[in-house]
Protein backbone atom coordinates (compact mmCIF):
# COMPACT_ATOMS: atom_id res chain seq x y z
CA UNK A 1 -0.21 -0.09 0.07
CA UNK A 2 0.97 3.47 -0.72
CA UNK A 3 1.61 5.71 2.47
CA UNK A 4 -1.19 7.94 3.27
CA UNK A 5 1.07 11.25 3.21
CA UNK A 6 0.80 12.97 -0.34
CA UNK A 7 -2.01 10.80 -1.40
CA UNK A 8 -5.29 11.82 -3.09
CA UNK A 9 -8.52 9.38 -3.82
CA UNK A 10 -10.89 10.11 -6.44
CA UNK A 11 -14.04 8.71 -7.19
CA UNK A 12 -15.18 9.02 -10.88
CA UNK A 13 -18.16 7.71 -12.84
CA UNK A 14 -17.00 8.62 -16.23
CA UNK A 15 -14.16 7.57 -18.59
CA UNK A 16 -11.35 9.80 -19.27
CA UNK A 17 -9.00 8.57 -22.07
CA UNK A 18 -5.95 10.93 -21.42
CA UNK A 19 -2.45 9.46 -22.27
CA UNK A 20 -0.52 11.18 -19.57
CA UNK A 21 1.79 9.66 -17.47
CA UNK A 22 0.43 6.13 -17.71
CA UNK A 23 1.61 3.79 -14.84
CA UNK A 24 2.43 6.25 -12.19
CA UNK A 25 -0.48 5.61 -9.83
CA UNK A 26 -1.94 2.44 -8.20
CA UNK A 27 -5.80 1.38 -8.09
CA UNK A 28 -8.08 0.08 -5.42
CA UNK A 29 -11.58 -1.07 -6.15
CA UNK A 30 -14.53 -0.65 -4.06
CA UNK A 31 -16.43 -3.08 -6.24
CA UNK A 32 -15.65 -6.78 -6.93
CA UNK A 33 -15.55 -6.30 -10.81
CA UNK A 34 -12.28 -6.08 -12.65
CA UNK A 35 -10.96 -2.92 -14.28
CA UNK A 36 -8.19 -1.66 -16.19
CA UNK A 37 -6.36 1.51 -16.33
CA UNK A 38 -6.65 3.18 -19.78
CA UNK A 39 -4.99 6.55 -19.15
CA UNK A 40 -4.39 9.33 -16.44
CA UNK A 41 -5.31 12.69 -16.21
CA UNK A 42 -3.54 15.63 -14.35
CA UNK A 43 -5.80 17.59 -11.90
CA UNK A 44 -5.97 20.05 -8.89
CA UNK A 45 -5.96 18.04 -6.08
CA UNK A 46 -8.83 19.88 -4.46
CA UNK A 47 -11.05 19.74 -7.69
CA UNK A 48 -13.21 16.61 -7.52
CA UNK A 49 -16.83 15.54 -6.62
CA UNK A 50 -18.95 12.48 -6.43
CA UNK A 51 -20.33 13.17 -9.65
CA UNK A 52 -16.99 12.80 -11.57
CA UNK A 53 -13.82 14.97 -12.25
CA UNK A 54 -15.99 17.60 -14.37
CA UNK A 55 -14.87 20.26 -11.80
CA UNK A 56 -11.20 19.65 -12.04
CA UNK A 57 -9.12 21.84 -14.44
CA UNK A 58 -5.81 20.88 -16.17
CA UNK A 59 -2.85 21.90 -14.05
CA UNK A 60 1.17 21.44 -14.42
CA UNK A 61 1.23 20.45 -10.70
CA UNK A 62 2.56 16.92 -10.08
CA UNK A 63 -0.64 15.37 -8.95
CA UNK A 64 -1.85 12.69 -11.24
CA UNK A 65 -4.96 10.63 -11.33
CA UNK A 66 -5.31 7.05 -12.87
CA UNK A 67 -8.52 6.49 -14.81
CA UNK A 68 -9.86 3.16 -14.88
CA UNK A 69 -12.72 1.46 -17.09
CA UNK A 70 -14.82 -1.64 -15.88
CA UNK A 71 -16.08 -3.32 -18.60
CA UNK A 72 -19.76 -3.22 -16.77
CA UNK A 73 -19.73 -0.07 -15.13
CA UNK A 74 -17.35 2.70 -13.85
CA UNK A 75 -19.02 3.62 -10.61
CA UNK A 76 -17.43 2.48 -7.28
CA UNK A 77 -13.83 2.89 -8.62
CA UNK A 78 -11.43 4.42 -5.98
CA UNK A 79 -7.94 5.77 -7.21
CA UNK A 80 -5.14 5.96 -5.14
CA UNK A 81 -2.31 8.25 -6.33
CA UNK A 82 1.02 9.20 -5.16
CA UNK A 83 2.18 12.52 -6.18
CA UNK A 84 5.98 13.30 -7.46
CA UNK A 85 9.00 13.77 -5.33
CA UNK A 86 11.53 15.53 -6.97
CA UNK A 87 15.30 14.07 -6.38
CA UNK A 88 17.29 16.98 -7.75
CA UNK A 89 20.45 16.15 -9.92
CA UNK A 90 23.55 17.61 -10.24
CA UNK A 91 25.96 17.07 -13.16
CA UNK A 92 27.32 18.57 -16.80
CA UNK A 93 24.30 20.43 -18.91
CA UNK A 94 24.82 18.12 -21.74
CA UNK A 95 24.72 14.80 -19.62
CA UNK A 96 21.56 16.14 -17.80
CA UNK A 97 20.19 16.95 -21.18
CA UNK A 98 20.84 13.25 -22.43
CA UNK A 99 19.33 11.66 -19.61
CA UNK A 100 16.05 13.96 -20.21
CA UNK A 101 16.05 12.62 -23.61
CA UNK A 102 16.51 9.24 -22.49
CA UNK A 103 13.86 9.31 -20.00
CA UNK A 104 11.44 11.56 -20.85
CA UNK A 105 8.51 8.67 -20.95
CA UNK A 106 7.93 6.04 -18.46
CA UNK A 107 7.51 5.24 -14.64
CA UNK A 108 11.12 6.64 -14.02
CA UNK A 109 11.68 10.06 -15.58
CA UNK A 110 14.63 12.77 -15.54
CA UNK A 111 12.70 16.03 -15.99
CA UNK A 112 13.91 19.51 -16.82
CA UNK A 113 12.37 22.08 -14.29
CA UNK A 114 12.06 25.59 -16.20
CA UNK A 115 11.41 27.47 -12.88
CA UNK A 116 14.30 26.37 -11.17
CA UNK A 117 16.44 25.70 -14.32
CA UNK A 118 17.39 22.46 -12.91
CA UNK A 119 16.87 18.64 -13.54
CA UNK A 120 15.32 15.97 -11.32
CA UNK A 121 14.70 12.49 -11.09
CA UNK A 122 11.23 11.06 -10.38
CA UNK A 123 10.06 7.78 -10.07
CA UNK A 124 7.44 5.57 -8.15
CA UNK A 125 10.15 4.14 -5.79
CA UNK A 126 11.19 7.41 -4.65
CA UNK A 127 7.72 8.54 -3.81
CA UNK A 128 7.56 5.48 -1.72
CA UNK A 129 10.57 5.24 0.20
CA UNK A 130 11.14 2.15 2.74
CA UNK A 131 11.48 4.52 5.73
CA UNK A 132 9.67 7.81 6.40
CA UNK A 133 11.35 10.64 4.03
CA UNK A 134 14.52 8.44 3.33
CA UNK A 135 13.82 9.43 -0.51
CA UNK A 136 17.71 9.24 -0.71
CA UNK A 137 17.39 5.17 -0.42
CA UNK A 138 15.62 4.21 -3.48
CA UNK A 139 17.31 7.23 -5.29
CA UNK A 140 20.60 6.35 -4.82
CA UNK A 141 20.12 2.88 -5.96
CA UNK A 142 17.92 4.12 -9.07
CA UNK A 143 20.58 6.65 -10.24
CA UNK A 144 22.94 4.14 -10.65
CA UNK A 145 21.05 2.15 -12.83
CA UNK A 146 20.05 5.35 -14.66
CA UNK A 147 23.65 6.08 -15.34
CA UNK A 148 24.30 2.93 -16.25
CA UNK A 149 21.51 3.32 -19.07
CA UNK A 150 23.23 6.62 -20.43
CA UNK A 151 26.60 5.20 -20.58
CA UNK A 152 25.16 2.01 -22.54
CA UNK A 153 23.99 4.99 -25.10
CA UNK A 154 26.93 7.04 -24.97
CA UNK A 155 30.36 5.83 -23.67
CA UNK A 156 31.39 9.26 -23.06
CA UNK A 157 28.50 9.88 -20.70
CA UNK A 158 29.73 11.06 -17.16
CA UNK A 159 27.35 9.73 -14.44
CA UNK A 160 25.26 12.44 -12.81
CA UNK A 161 24.94 12.65 -8.84
CA UNK A 162 22.08 13.34 -6.64
CA UNK A 163 22.43 16.93 -5.27
CA UNK A 164 21.21 15.77 -1.88
CA UNK A 165 18.19 18.00 -2.27
CA UNK A 166 14.55 16.40 -2.72
CA UNK A 167 11.07 18.47 -2.83
CA UNK A 168 8.09 16.94 -1.64
CA UNK A 169 4.65 17.23 -3.20
CA UNK A 170 3.86 19.75 -0.60
CA UNK A 171 7.04 21.94 -1.20
CA UNK A 172 8.99 20.79 1.71
CA UNK A 173 12.89 20.45 0.83
CA UNK A 174 14.74 17.59 2.53
CA UNK A 175 18.44 17.71 2.16
CA UNK A 176 21.02 14.89 2.46
CA UNK A 177 24.91 14.90 1.80
CA UNK A 178 26.08 15.35 -1.89
CA UNK A 179 29.20 15.00 -4.15
CA UNK A 180 31.07 17.08 -6.38
CA UNK A 181 31.70 17.72 -9.97
CA UNK A 182 34.58 17.95 -12.23
CA UNK A 183 34.78 20.34 -15.45
CA UNK A 184 34.30 19.12 -18.88
CA UNK A 185 33.21 20.29 -21.91
CA UNK A 186 31.99 18.76 -25.38
CA UNK A 187 30.56 19.57 -28.76
CA UNK A 188 27.52 17.94 -29.66
CA UNK A 189 24.75 17.98 -32.43
CA UNK A 190 21.58 16.30 -32.82
CA UNK A 191 20.76 14.54 -36.48
CA UNK A 192 17.18 15.20 -37.65
CA UNK A 193 15.90 12.83 -40.45
CA UNK A 194 14.30 14.33 -43.68
CA UNK A 195 11.38 12.92 -45.38
CA UNK A 196 10.85 12.65 -49.37
CA UNK A 197 8.72 16.12 -49.08
CA UNK A 198 11.49 18.01 -47.22
CA UNK A 199 10.27 17.98 -44.00
CA UNK A 200 11.51 16.70 -40.79
CA UNK A 201 10.64 13.14 -39.95
CA UNK A 202 8.73 12.45 -36.69
CA UNK A 203 11.15 11.14 -34.03
CA UNK A 204 10.36 7.77 -32.93
CA UNK A 205 9.44 6.66 -29.40
CA UNK A 206 12.69 6.46 -27.46
CA UNK A 207 13.11 2.61 -26.45
CA UNK A 208 15.11 3.51 -23.29
CA UNK A 209 12.19 3.75 -20.55
CA UNK A 210 11.63 -0.13 -21.60
CA UNK A 211 15.17 -0.96 -21.45
CA UNK A 212 15.17 0.46 -17.84
CA UNK A 213 12.12 -1.16 -16.81
CA UNK A 214 13.98 -4.64 -17.41
CA UNK A 215 15.88 -4.27 -14.07
CA UNK A 216 12.59 -5.29 -12.34
CA UNK A 217 12.22 -8.63 -14.05
CA UNK A 218 15.68 -9.30 -15.04
CA UNK A 219 18.37 -9.03 -12.34
CA UNK A 220 21.15 -9.61 -14.73
CA UNK A 221 20.22 -6.48 -16.45
CA UNK A 222 20.14 -4.75 -13.01
CA UNK A 223 23.98 -6.03 -12.52
CA UNK A 224 25.02 -4.62 -15.88
CA UNK A 225 23.81 -1.29 -15.16
CA UNK A 226 25.14 -1.19 -11.76
CA UNK A 227 28.81 -1.69 -13.48
CA UNK A 228 27.86 0.87 -16.21
CA UNK A 229 26.80 3.31 -13.86
CA UNK A 230 29.67 3.55 -11.55
CA UNK A 231 30.69 7.14 -10.96
CA UNK A 232 34.35 6.43 -12.03
CA UNK A 233 35.41 5.89 -15.55
CA UNK A 234 35.23 2.13 -16.38
CA UNK A 235 38.38 0.12 -16.74
CA UNK A 236 39.11 -3.40 -18.59
CA UNK A 237 37.89 -5.24 -15.33
CA UNK A 238 34.61 -3.84 -15.17
CA UNK A 239 34.14 -3.95 -19.12
CA UNK A 240 35.17 -7.41 -19.03
CA UNK A 241 32.58 -8.33 -16.09
CA UNK A 242 30.03 -6.90 -18.44
CA UNK A 243 31.04 -8.68 -21.32
CA UNK A 244 31.10 -12.23 -19.24
CA UNK A 245 27.43 -11.56 -17.74
CA UNK A 246 25.84 -10.74 -21.35
CA UNK A 247 27.51 -13.65 -22.70
CA UNK A 248 26.27 -15.86 -19.85
CA UNK A 249 22.57 -14.17 -20.32
CA UNK A 250 22.48 -14.89 -23.93
CA UNK A 251 24.07 -18.58 -23.83
CA UNK A 252 24.05 -20.71 -26.12
CA UNK A 253 23.78 -17.66 -28.64
CA UNK A 254 27.36 -16.52 -29.20
CA UNK A 255 28.13 -12.77 -28.28
CA UNK A 256 29.64 -12.34 -31.65
CA UNK A 257 26.05 -12.78 -33.05
CA UNK A 258 24.80 -9.64 -31.02
CA UNK A 259 24.19 -6.50 -32.74
CA UNK A 260 27.28 -5.42 -34.84
CA UNK A 261 29.53 -7.45 -32.91
CA UNK A 262 32.08 -9.52 -34.85
CA UNK A 263 34.75 -12.26 -34.27
CA UNK A 264 37.61 -9.83 -34.69
CA UNK A 265 36.41 -7.03 -32.52
CA UNK A 266 35.14 -9.44 -29.94
CA UNK A 267 38.87 -11.00 -30.13
CA UNK A 268 40.57 -7.54 -29.88
CA UNK A 269 38.28 -6.75 -26.93
CA UNK A 270 39.15 -9.70 -24.90
CA UNK A 271 42.82 -9.88 -25.71
CA UNK A 272 43.06 -6.09 -25.20
CA UNK A 273 41.29 -6.45 -21.65
CA UNK A 274 43.74 -9.40 -20.70
CA UNK A 275 47.19 -8.86 -22.12
CA UNK A 276 49.50 -6.50 -19.94
CA UNK A 277 51.69 -5.96 -22.89
CA UNK A 278 48.55 -4.17 -24.75
CA UNK A 279 46.98 -2.37 -21.78
CA UNK A 280 49.66 -2.08 -19.21
CA UNK A 281 48.77 -2.23 -15.59
CA UNK A 282 45.18 -1.74 -16.12
CA UNK A 283 44.91 -5.32 -18.02
CA UNK A 284 43.19 -7.94 -16.29
CA UNK A 285 46.17 -10.33 -15.97
CA UNK A 286 49.87 -9.40 -14.84
CA UNK A 287 51.44 -11.74 -17.54
CA UNK A 288 50.38 -12.20 -21.26
CA UNK A 289 49.31 -15.72 -22.23
CA UNK A 290 52.39 -17.38 -23.92
CA UNK A 291 52.28 -17.45 -27.59
CA UNK A 292 49.48 -15.11 -28.03
CA UNK A 293 49.85 -12.73 -30.78
CA UNK A 294 46.77 -10.74 -31.25
CA UNK A 295 45.78 -9.71 -34.79
CA UNK A 296 43.83 -6.54 -33.63
CA UNK A 297 43.81 -4.40 -30.47
CA UNK A 298 41.79 -2.03 -28.64
CA UNK A 299 42.40 1.03 -26.59
CA UNK A 300 40.28 1.78 -23.36
CA UNK A 301 38.23 4.30 -25.04
CA UNK A 302 37.37 1.88 -27.95
CA UNK A 303 36.72 -0.91 -25.28
CA UNK A 304 34.32 1.32 -23.70
CA UNK A 305 32.61 1.96 -26.95
CA UNK A 306 32.41 -1.48 -27.69
CA UNK A 307 30.82 -2.45 -24.54
CA UNK A 308 28.16 0.17 -24.56
CA UNK A 309 27.20 -0.89 -27.86
CA UNK A 310 27.35 -4.27 -26.81
CA UNK A 311 24.90 -3.38 -23.70
CA UNK A 312 22.42 -1.62 -26.15
CA UNK A 313 22.06 -4.43 -28.55
CA UNK A 314 21.63 -6.90 -25.79
CA UNK A 315 18.93 -4.85 -24.13
CA UNK A 316 17.10 -4.31 -27.50
CA UNK A 317 17.43 -8.22 -28.24
CA UNK A 318 15.44 -8.39 -24.91
CA UNK A 319 12.79 -5.89 -25.64
CA UNK A 320 12.45 -6.95 -29.09
CA UNK A 321 13.23 -10.40 -29.47
């Protein structure tokens, strides 16, 4: 059950087919009939009545109501909705922008608050911490996986941090300790597809929220994202662990059949990760394998890009088998 604090209940007798923030709330039914969630509607917390939501006006406040539909009737459904707690983020602008693009939809989101000119993380887990007001406990676990997802998309991504500030639905700010950032810069651009008529093509839905949702049912995905989301730049040891986890997860399929991987690229990665003659003290082994004469090698930067591509291809193969 969701905690009482910050929850509003609504009785509805009409169907509203709104498609805003699906899945962010939970439902209790006062009748024994089955209901299904068909959408959500953002409303003022005080604007409701027994006849439905006709008096509720649209708002940008974070209160969300799930609209349910019963095949027989709709009267009798009670909606339980947890409002959003904002876990404020700290990081470089381009990394935060990448996250906001990556997780613009879904149950876990990174949002740019224009009033604060800052970014925050929101999720049902953060709204409902295991201990009262300890929003930092679920947020710290979640931000690692979110960072790991972003690093899978872009090997040059640098993990963002929780600022330590959490804003509740009633405007209270709760603070916990936070870390520091290093200075960085980058050049970036966005590719836009152009159709035959010369007009920009519509941007397809982002697959990344679906990738992140896999952590709930696939522990190996959570394990990989936790490694990928570590604050420090990944070395050969961490990269090889990810390679091994994916190889085990897809067995008996060979890892060289995943995405754009090839025997030559995979061999170059493995030998570069293991051979100190190639990677020095950062290699997994202290001595090279006798007689091992590699045909191809990778730098650590190439290894990071290779593993990021591998993780993305693996996640996509799960979502779209």
